[in-house]
Amino acid sequence: MKPINISEKFKLFNEHWTPKKIGELNGQQLLLAKLKGEFIWHTHENEDELFHIIKGRLIIEFRDKIVELNEGEIVIIPKGVEHKPIAKEEVHVLLFEPLAIKHTGNVINNLTVETFENI
């Protein structure tokens, strides 16, 4: 049990769309990610997903609306809801997700990360 400095953890990597694990609790994981550009349309069939914006502004497109998130804001995306994150400038996010989640959901492509690196 020791403090985790999120700002320091973000300094340890530069890749975009490649979440890094900083902790686990109760079958969930805490992931940090740097986002820039457009991600892909995807769905998590069995898992809800939480985005907490640490730095920057994130746009999340849904098939019926667009949600814009600013620093300090969160959104919970229910399982089964198709979405596409977009970061016009680099965004730092904290993700809170089940251990079994696939980062690109029901889509496999070059952005898919099979195992999240611990930092």
Protein backbone atom coordinates (compact mmCIF):
# COMPACT_ATOMS: atom_id res chain seq x y z
CA MET A 1 0.00 0.00 0.00
CA LYS A 2 1.75 3.07 -1.24
CA PRO A 3 0.57 6.17 -3.07
CA ILE A 4 0.45 6.15 -6.86
CA ASN A 5 1.35 9.47 -8.44
CA ILE A 6 -0.69 9.61 -11.63
CA SER A 7 1.27 12.55 -13.07
CA GLU A 8 4.53 10.66 -12.64
CA LYS A 9 3.06 7.52 -14.22
CA PHE A 10 2.02 9.48 -17.33
CA LYS A 11 5.68 10.53 -17.76
CA LEU A 12 6.68 6.85 -18.19
CA PHE A 13 5.15 6.38 -21.65
CA ASN A 14 4.39 8.26 -24.87
CA GLU A 15 2.31 5.83 -26.94
CA HIS A 16 -1.24 6.75 -27.84
CA TRP A 17 -4.19 4.34 -27.47
CA THR A 18 -2.03 1.88 -25.49
CA PRO A 19 -3.36 1.70 -21.90
CA LYS A 20 -0.94 0.99 -19.04
CA LYS A 21 -2.07 -0.73 -15.83
CA ILE A 22 -1.40 1.03 -12.54
CA GLY A 23 -3.49 -1.12 -10.21
CA GLU A 24 -6.20 -3.70 -9.61
CA LEU A 25 -9.04 -4.01 -7.13
CA ASN A 26 -12.09 -6.23 -6.82
CA GLY A 27 -11.78 -7.70 -10.32
CA GLN A 28 -11.26 -4.26 -11.85
CA GLN A 29 -8.18 -2.53 -13.21
CA LEU A 30 -7.01 1.06 -13.28
CA LEU A 31 -5.49 2.00 -16.61
CA LEU A 32 -3.81 5.18 -17.79
CA ALA A 33 -3.82 6.08 -21.47
CA LYS A 34 -2.73 8.91 -23.69
CA LEU A 35 -5.13 9.47 -26.56
CA LYS A 36 -4.64 11.44 -29.76
CA GLY A 37 -6.56 11.25 -33.02
CA GLU A 38 -9.52 8.98 -33.68
CA PHE A 39 -10.01 5.54 -32.20
CA ILE A 40 -12.30 2.95 -33.79
CA TRP A 41 -16.00 2.25 -33.44
CA HIS A 42 -16.35 -0.60 -30.96
CA THR A 43 -18.58 -2.17 -28.33
CA HIS A 44 -17.88 -3.95 -25.06
CA GLU A 45 -20.61 -6.58 -24.97
CA ASN A 46 -20.19 -7.59 -21.32
CA GLU A 47 -18.43 -4.70 -19.58
CA ASP A 48 -19.21 -1.11 -18.62
CA GLU A 49 -16.35 1.34 -19.15
CA LEU A 50 -15.43 4.48 -17.19
CA PHE A 51 -13.38 7.34 -18.69
CA HIS A 52 -11.99 9.97 -16.27
CA ILE A 53 -10.33 12.90 -18.03
CA ILE A 54 -7.11 13.90 -16.29
CA LYS A 55 -5.82 16.32 -18.94
CA GLY A 56 -7.32 17.69 -22.15
CA ARG A 57 -10.69 17.30 -23.84
CA LEU A 58 -12.16 14.06 -25.18
CA ILE A 59 -15.03 13.66 -27.60
CA ILE A 60 -16.90 10.36 -27.58
CA GLU A 61 -19.18 9.70 -30.52
CA PHE A 62 -22.18 7.45 -30.09
CA ARG A 63 -24.52 6.46 -32.90
CA ASP A 64 -27.19 8.87 -31.60
CA LYS A 65 -25.17 11.67 -29.94
CA ILE A 66 -21.78 13.15 -29.11
CA VAL A 67 -20.45 13.66 -25.58
CA GLU A 68 -17.61 16.10 -24.85
CA LEU A 69 -15.57 15.59 -21.69
CA ASN A 70 -13.24 18.10 -20.06
CA GLU A 71 -10.60 17.76 -17.34
CA GLY A 72 -12.04 16.37 -14.13
CA GLU A 73 -15.12 14.89 -15.80
CA ILE A 74 -16.10 11.24 -16.15
CA VAL A 75 -18.48 9.25 -18.28
CA ILE A 76 -19.64 5.69 -17.80
CA ILE A 77 -20.40 3.85 -21.02
CA PRO A 78 -22.80 0.96 -20.42
CA LYS A 79 -22.00 -2.45 -21.87
CA GLY A 80 -23.29 -2.96 -25.40
CA VAL A 81 -23.14 0.74 -26.38
CA GLU A 82 -21.13 1.36 -29.54
CA HIS A 83 -18.75 4.31 -29.25
CA LYS A 84 -15.71 6.00 -30.78
CA PRO A 85 -13.35 8.24 -28.74
CA ILE A 86 -11.73 11.21 -30.51
CA ALA A 87 -8.91 13.38 -29.15
CA LYS A 88 -8.09 16.39 -31.33
CA GLU A 89 -5.13 17.14 -29.02
CA GLU A 90 -3.42 14.74 -26.63
CA VAL A 91 -5.69 13.67 -23.78
CA HIS A 92 -4.70 11.84 -20.60
CA VAL A 93 -7.36 9.48 -19.21
CA LEU A 94 -7.82 7.14 -16.28
CA LEU A 95 -9.88 4.10 -17.25
CA PHE A 96 -11.64 1.89 -14.72
CA GLU A 97 -12.56 -1.44 -16.28
CA PRO A 98 -13.02 -5.15 -15.55
CA LEU A 99 -9.89 -7.28 -15.80
CA ALA A 100 -11.29 -9.27 -18.74
CA ILE A 101 -12.12 -6.28 -20.95
CA LYS A 102 -10.74 -6.14 -24.49
CA HIS A 103 -9.48 -2.66 -25.22
CA THR A 104 -11.00 -2.57 -28.71
CA GLY A 105 -14.09 -4.46 -27.62
CA ASN A 106 -15.61 -6.56 -30.36
CA VAL A 107 -13.12 -5.34 -33.00
CA ILE A 108 -9.60 -6.66 -33.55
CA ASN A 109 -7.20 -4.41 -35.45
CA ASN A 110 -3.73 -2.86 -35.23
CA LEU A 111 -4.74 -0.82 -32.14
CA THR A 112 -5.77 -3.89 -30.13
CA VAL A 113 -3.72 -4.47 -26.97
CA GLU A 114 -3.96 -8.03 -25.68
CA THR A 115 -2.11 -7.52 -22.37
CA PHE A 116 -1.79 -4.22 -20.56
CA GLU A 117 1.73 -3.37 -19.40
CA ASN A 118 2.09 -2.66 -15.68
CA ILE A 119 3.84 0.60 -14.90
